[in-house]
Every structure is written in C-alpha cells, then in structure tokens.
N, C-alpha and C. Protein backbone atom coordinates (compact mmCIF):
# COMPACT_ATOMS: atom_id res chain seq x y z
N UNK A 1 -21.14 -193.83 249.99
CA UNK A 1 -22.56 -193.88 249.63
C UNK A 1 -23.06 -195.30 249.85
N UNK A 2 -24.27 -195.40 250.34
CA UNK A 2 -24.81 -196.74 250.58
C UNK A 2 -25.81 -197.07 249.48
N UNK A 3 -25.98 -198.33 249.26
CA UNK A 3 -26.92 -198.79 248.24
C UNK A 3 -27.32 -200.21 248.52
N UNK A 4 -28.30 -200.65 247.82
CA UNK A 4 -28.77 -202.03 247.98
C UNK A 4 -28.47 -202.80 246.72
N UNK A 5 -27.82 -203.93 246.89
CA UNK A 5 -27.61 -204.86 245.79
C UNK A 5 -28.55 -206.02 245.99
N UNK A 6 -29.35 -206.32 245.01
CA UNK A 6 -30.27 -207.45 245.13
C UNK A 6 -29.90 -208.49 244.09
N UNK A 7 -29.54 -209.65 244.55
CA UNK A 7 -29.31 -210.77 243.65
C UNK A 7 -30.62 -211.52 243.57
N UNK A 8 -31.23 -211.49 242.40
CA UNK A 8 -32.56 -212.10 242.28
C UNK A 8 -32.45 -213.60 242.38
N UNK A 9 -33.54 -214.21 242.77
CA UNK A 9 -33.61 -215.65 242.84
C UNK A 9 -34.53 -216.17 241.76
N UNK A 10 -34.48 -217.43 241.53
CA UNK A 10 -35.29 -218.04 240.50
C UNK A 10 -35.88 -219.31 241.07
N UNK A 11 -37.17 -219.48 240.90
CA UNK A 11 -37.83 -220.67 241.43
C UNK A 11 -37.38 -221.92 240.69
N UNK A 12 -37.39 -223.04 241.38
CA UNK A 12 -37.11 -224.31 240.72
C UNK A 12 -38.21 -224.58 239.70
N UNK A 13 -37.96 -225.47 238.78
CA UNK A 13 -38.94 -225.73 237.72
C UNK A 13 -40.30 -226.15 238.27
N UNK A 14 -40.38 -227.11 239.19
CA UNK A 14 -41.71 -227.49 239.70
C UNK A 14 -42.44 -226.34 240.39
N UNK A 15 -41.72 -225.53 241.16
CA UNK A 15 -42.36 -224.40 241.83
C UNK A 15 -42.82 -223.35 240.81
N UNK A 16 -41.99 -223.09 239.82
CA UNK A 16 -42.35 -222.13 238.78
C UNK A 16 -43.53 -222.62 237.95
N UNK A 17 -43.53 -223.91 237.65
CA UNK A 17 -44.62 -224.49 236.87
C UNK A 17 -45.93 -224.42 237.67
N UNK A 18 -45.86 -224.69 238.97
CA UNK A 18 -47.04 -224.59 239.83
C UNK A 18 -47.54 -223.15 239.89
N UNK A 19 -46.63 -222.20 240.00
CA UNK A 19 -47.02 -220.80 240.03
C UNK A 19 -47.68 -220.39 238.71
N UNK A 20 -47.10 -220.80 237.60
CA UNK A 20 -47.66 -220.49 236.29
C UNK A 20 -49.04 -221.14 236.12
N UNK A 21 -49.18 -222.37 236.57
CA UNK A 21 -50.47 -223.07 236.50
C UNK A 21 -51.52 -222.37 237.35
N UNK A 22 -51.13 -221.95 238.53
CA UNK A 22 -52.06 -221.25 239.42
C UNK A 22 -52.52 -219.94 238.79
N UNK A 23 -51.59 -219.22 238.19
CA UNK A 23 -51.93 -217.96 237.54
C UNK A 23 -52.89 -218.21 236.38
N UNK A 24 -52.60 -219.20 235.56
CA UNK A 24 -53.46 -219.51 234.41
C UNK A 24 -54.87 -219.89 234.87
N UNK A 25 -54.97 -220.74 235.88
CA UNK A 25 -56.28 -221.15 236.40
C UNK A 25 -57.03 -219.95 236.98
N UNK A 26 -56.32 -219.11 237.72
CA UNK A 26 -56.95 -217.92 238.28
C UNK A 26 -57.42 -216.95 237.22
N UNK A 27 -56.63 -216.79 236.16
CA UNK A 27 -56.98 -215.89 235.07
C UNK A 27 -58.25 -216.37 234.36
N UNK A 28 -58.30 -217.65 234.05
CA UNK A 28 -59.48 -218.21 233.36
C UNK A 28 -60.70 -218.11 234.27
N UNK A 29 -60.53 -218.42 235.55
CA UNK A 29 -61.66 -218.33 236.50
C UNK A 29 -62.15 -216.88 236.60
N UNK A 30 -61.21 -215.94 236.68
CA UNK A 30 -61.59 -214.53 236.79
C UNK A 30 -62.35 -214.05 235.56
N UNK A 31 -61.95 -214.49 234.38
CA UNK A 31 -62.70 -214.12 233.16
C UNK A 31 -64.15 -214.57 233.27
N UNK A 32 -64.37 -215.76 233.81
CA UNK A 32 -65.73 -216.28 233.93
C UNK A 32 -66.51 -215.60 235.05
N UNK A 33 -65.83 -215.22 236.12
CA UNK A 33 -66.49 -214.48 237.20
C UNK A 33 -66.96 -213.12 236.68
N UNK A 34 -66.10 -212.43 235.94
CA UNK A 34 -66.47 -211.13 235.38
C UNK A 34 -67.68 -211.28 234.45
N UNK A 35 -67.69 -212.32 233.66
CA UNK A 35 -68.83 -212.56 232.76
C UNK A 35 -70.09 -212.87 233.56
N UNK A 36 -69.98 -213.70 234.59
CA UNK A 36 -71.15 -214.10 235.37
C UNK A 36 -71.75 -212.93 236.14
N UNK A 37 -70.91 -212.10 236.76
CA UNK A 37 -71.41 -211.02 237.60
C UNK A 37 -71.50 -209.68 236.89
N UNK A 38 -70.64 -209.46 235.91
CA UNK A 38 -70.63 -208.17 235.21
C UNK A 38 -71.32 -208.20 233.87
N UNK A 39 -71.49 -209.40 233.33
CA UNK A 39 -72.15 -209.53 232.04
C UNK A 39 -71.30 -209.19 230.84
N UNK A 40 -69.99 -209.05 231.04
CA UNK A 40 -69.11 -208.74 229.91
C UNK A 40 -67.96 -209.74 229.85
N UNK A 41 -67.50 -209.99 228.64
CA UNK A 41 -66.33 -210.85 228.44
C UNK A 41 -65.08 -209.99 228.40
N UNK A 42 -63.97 -210.56 228.84
CA UNK A 42 -62.69 -209.85 228.80
C UNK A 42 -62.22 -209.63 227.36
N UNK A 43 -62.60 -210.53 226.48
CA UNK A 43 -62.22 -210.44 225.08
C UNK A 43 -63.49 -210.29 224.25
N UNK A 44 -63.66 -209.17 223.52
CA UNK A 44 -64.87 -208.95 222.73
C UNK A 44 -65.17 -210.06 221.71
N UNK A 45 -64.14 -210.77 221.27
CA UNK A 45 -64.35 -211.84 220.31
C UNK A 45 -65.24 -212.95 220.89
N UNK A 46 -65.30 -213.06 222.22
CA UNK A 46 -66.12 -214.09 222.85
C UNK A 46 -67.60 -213.93 222.55
N UNK A 47 -68.04 -212.74 222.19
CA UNK A 47 -69.45 -212.53 221.84
C UNK A 47 -69.78 -213.14 220.48
N UNK A 48 -68.78 -213.35 219.66
CA UNK A 48 -69.00 -213.82 218.29
C UNK A 48 -68.70 -215.31 218.08
N UNK A 49 -68.11 -215.97 219.08
CA UNK A 49 -67.74 -217.37 218.89
C UNK A 49 -68.53 -218.27 219.84
N UNK A 50 -68.65 -219.53 219.47
CA UNK A 50 -69.41 -220.47 220.30
C UNK A 50 -68.54 -221.03 221.44
N UNK A 51 -69.14 -221.87 222.27
CA UNK A 51 -68.46 -222.40 223.47
C UNK A 51 -67.19 -223.20 223.11
N UNK A 52 -67.27 -224.02 222.06
CA UNK A 52 -66.08 -224.80 221.68
C UNK A 52 -64.95 -223.89 221.21
N UNK A 53 -65.28 -222.86 220.47
CA UNK A 53 -64.26 -221.93 220.01
C UNK A 53 -63.65 -221.15 221.18
N UNK A 54 -64.47 -220.85 222.18
CA UNK A 54 -63.94 -220.19 223.39
C UNK A 54 -62.94 -221.10 224.09
N UNK A 55 -63.26 -222.39 224.17
CA UNK A 55 -62.34 -223.34 224.81
C UNK A 55 -61.01 -223.39 224.07
N UNK A 56 -61.06 -223.39 222.75
CA UNK A 56 -59.83 -223.41 221.95
C UNK A 56 -59.05 -222.12 222.17
N UNK A 57 -59.75 -220.98 222.19
CA UNK A 57 -59.10 -219.69 222.41
C UNK A 57 -58.41 -219.65 223.77
N UNK A 58 -59.13 -220.03 224.83
CA UNK A 58 -58.56 -220.03 226.17
C UNK A 58 -57.42 -221.04 226.27
N UNK A 59 -57.60 -222.21 225.68
CA UNK A 59 -56.54 -223.21 225.67
C UNK A 59 -55.28 -222.70 224.99
N UNK A 60 -55.46 -221.93 223.91
CA UNK A 60 -54.32 -221.36 223.20
C UNK A 60 -53.59 -220.33 224.07
N UNK A 61 -54.37 -219.51 224.77
CA UNK A 61 -53.75 -218.52 225.67
C UNK A 61 -52.94 -219.22 226.76
N UNK A 62 -53.53 -220.23 227.37
CA UNK A 62 -52.84 -220.97 228.45
C UNK A 62 -51.61 -221.69 227.89
N UNK A 63 -51.74 -222.30 226.72
CA UNK A 63 -50.59 -222.99 226.12
C UNK A 63 -49.46 -222.00 225.82
N UNK A 64 -49.81 -220.82 225.31
CA UNK A 64 -48.79 -219.80 225.02
C UNK A 64 -48.09 -219.36 226.30
N UNK A 65 -48.86 -219.26 227.40
CA UNK A 65 -48.28 -218.90 228.69
C UNK A 65 -47.23 -219.93 229.11
N UNK A 66 -47.54 -221.22 228.92
CA UNK A 66 -46.60 -222.27 229.31
C UNK A 66 -45.40 -222.32 228.37
N UNK A 67 -45.59 -222.06 227.09
CA UNK A 67 -44.47 -222.03 226.15
C UNK A 67 -43.50 -220.91 226.54
N UNK A 68 -44.05 -219.75 226.87
CA UNK A 68 -43.21 -218.63 227.30
C UNK A 68 -42.47 -218.99 228.58
N UNK A 69 -43.17 -219.63 229.54
CA UNK A 69 -42.52 -220.07 230.78
C UNK A 69 -41.38 -221.03 230.48
N UNK A 70 -41.62 -222.02 229.63
CA UNK A 70 -40.58 -223.00 229.30
C UNK A 70 -39.38 -222.35 228.61
N UNK A 71 -39.65 -221.41 227.71
CA UNK A 71 -38.56 -220.72 227.00
C UNK A 71 -37.72 -219.89 227.96
N UNK A 72 -38.38 -219.12 228.82
CA UNK A 72 -37.60 -218.30 229.74
C UNK A 72 -36.87 -219.15 230.76
N UNK A 73 -37.45 -220.29 231.15
CA UNK A 73 -36.76 -221.19 232.08
C UNK A 73 -35.52 -221.79 231.41
N UNK A 74 -35.66 -222.19 230.16
CA UNK A 74 -34.52 -222.76 229.42
C UNK A 74 -33.44 -221.70 229.23
N UNK A 75 -33.83 -220.48 228.89
CA UNK A 75 -32.85 -219.41 228.70
C UNK A 75 -32.14 -219.09 230.01
N UNK A 76 -32.88 -219.04 231.09
CA UNK A 76 -32.26 -218.77 232.39
C UNK A 76 -31.28 -219.88 232.75
N UNK A 77 -31.65 -221.14 232.50
CA UNK A 77 -30.76 -222.27 232.80
C UNK A 77 -29.49 -222.21 231.97
N UNK A 78 -29.60 -221.78 230.72
CA UNK A 78 -28.41 -221.66 229.86
C UNK A 78 -27.47 -220.58 230.37
N UNK A 79 -28.03 -219.47 230.81
CA UNK A 79 -27.21 -218.34 231.23
C UNK A 79 -26.68 -218.52 232.65
N UNK A 80 -27.55 -218.95 233.57
CA UNK A 80 -27.18 -218.98 234.98
C UNK A 80 -27.03 -220.38 235.57
N UNK A 81 -27.26 -221.40 234.80
CA UNK A 81 -27.25 -222.75 235.34
C UNK A 81 -28.61 -223.06 235.95
N UNK A 82 -28.82 -224.31 236.26
CA UNK A 82 -30.13 -224.68 236.79
C UNK A 82 -30.06 -224.81 238.30
N UNK A 83 -31.21 -224.94 238.90
CA UNK A 83 -31.27 -225.15 240.35
C UNK A 83 -32.10 -224.10 241.03
N UNK A 84 -32.42 -224.37 242.27
CA UNK A 84 -33.20 -223.45 243.09
C UNK A 84 -32.23 -222.48 243.74
N UNK A 85 -32.23 -221.24 243.29
CA UNK A 85 -31.25 -220.28 243.76
C UNK A 85 -31.68 -219.54 245.02
N UNK A 86 -32.96 -219.50 245.31
CA UNK A 86 -33.43 -218.74 246.46
C UNK A 86 -33.28 -217.25 246.19
N UNK A 87 -33.49 -216.44 247.19
CA UNK A 87 -33.35 -214.99 247.03
C UNK A 87 -32.40 -214.48 248.09
N UNK A 88 -31.42 -213.72 247.66
CA UNK A 88 -30.41 -213.17 248.53
C UNK A 88 -30.39 -211.65 248.34
N UNK A 89 -30.50 -210.90 249.42
CA UNK A 89 -30.42 -209.45 249.32
C UNK A 89 -29.24 -209.00 250.15
N UNK A 90 -28.40 -208.18 249.57
CA UNK A 90 -27.25 -207.65 250.30
C UNK A 90 -27.36 -206.14 250.31
N UNK A 91 -26.83 -205.54 251.37
CA UNK A 91 -26.87 -204.09 251.50
C UNK A 91 -25.48 -203.59 251.89
N UNK A 92 -25.02 -202.61 251.15
CA UNK A 92 -23.76 -201.98 251.49
C UNK A 92 -24.04 -200.88 252.50
N UNK A 93 -23.37 -200.89 253.61
CA UNK A 93 -23.57 -199.84 254.60
C UNK A 93 -22.53 -198.73 254.39
N UNK A 94 -22.82 -197.58 254.95
CA UNK A 94 -21.91 -196.45 254.80
C UNK A 94 -20.58 -196.71 255.50
N UNK A 95 -20.60 -197.56 256.53
CA UNK A 95 -19.38 -197.82 257.29
C UNK A 95 -18.53 -198.95 256.70
N UNK A 96 -19.13 -199.80 255.89
CA UNK A 96 -18.35 -200.90 255.33
C UNK A 96 -17.59 -200.40 254.11
N UNK A 97 -16.43 -200.99 253.83
CA UNK A 97 -15.66 -200.56 252.67
C UNK A 97 -16.47 -200.70 251.38
N UNK A 98 -16.22 -199.79 250.46
CA UNK A 98 -16.94 -199.82 249.19
C UNK A 98 -16.76 -201.16 248.50
N UNK A 99 -17.83 -201.70 248.00
CA UNK A 99 -17.75 -202.98 247.32
C UNK A 99 -17.99 -204.17 248.23
N UNK A 100 -17.83 -203.96 249.53
CA UNK A 100 -18.10 -205.03 250.48
C UNK A 100 -19.59 -205.03 250.79
N UNK A 101 -20.17 -206.17 250.90
CA UNK A 101 -21.60 -206.27 251.17
C UNK A 101 -21.83 -207.12 252.39
N UNK A 102 -22.87 -206.80 253.09
CA UNK A 102 -23.26 -207.65 254.21
C UNK A 102 -24.68 -208.12 253.96
N UNK A 103 -25.01 -209.27 254.51
CA UNK A 103 -26.32 -209.86 254.30
C UNK A 103 -27.34 -209.16 255.18
N UNK A 104 -28.49 -208.81 254.60
CA UNK A 104 -29.58 -208.20 255.33
C UNK A 104 -30.53 -209.28 255.73
N UNK A 105 -30.83 -209.41 256.99
CA UNK A 105 -31.72 -210.47 257.49
C UNK A 105 -33.11 -209.94 257.64
C-alpha cells in the first residue's frame, strides 16, 4: 500500500514573527475596511466604546496573538529543538519496500 508521509516544517523565529505581524496588520486593516464600506464592526462591542477603548481592545487582541505565537514557538523549540527546519515531503511508492521513503520533488 502506498501513502504519503509529510514531515512538517517550522519557520524560523524571524520569519514566523513577520508572518504573525503581517496577519495581525491585515486583520486590523480588514476590520476597518469592513466598517468603512459595510458600515458594521466585526465586534458589536465597538458600537459602545470610544476610539481610545477600541485601540486598547485591538491592541489586546494583537498582543494575545503574539503571546500565543511566542508560547507555541517556545514549546516547539523544547520538543523539536530550534532552527529553520524547512518542509520535507516523502512518499512511499508501491514498489519500494514498506517503510522506505523516497523524496518527492
């Protein structure tokens, strides 16, 4: 029987941090685009709070996102070691012995 084994990769800390930052910036921008063009806020609480409170709320969401990123990065480093692992996919073919894998390009 053939199957695919995928060894997942993990981004280095700077790349992961940049990805997380990009997502956070995009999320905040998208909330404002929806409000500007659709007239609705993503969070109903935004109708009841002032601009400064919205900034604190959004800042808290973004900060929580980074705390979660840092925690999962630390946990991954503890379990798997640190470093840029890349992504490796291997596929077992029907003709290769069971358990043997070859690299899929």
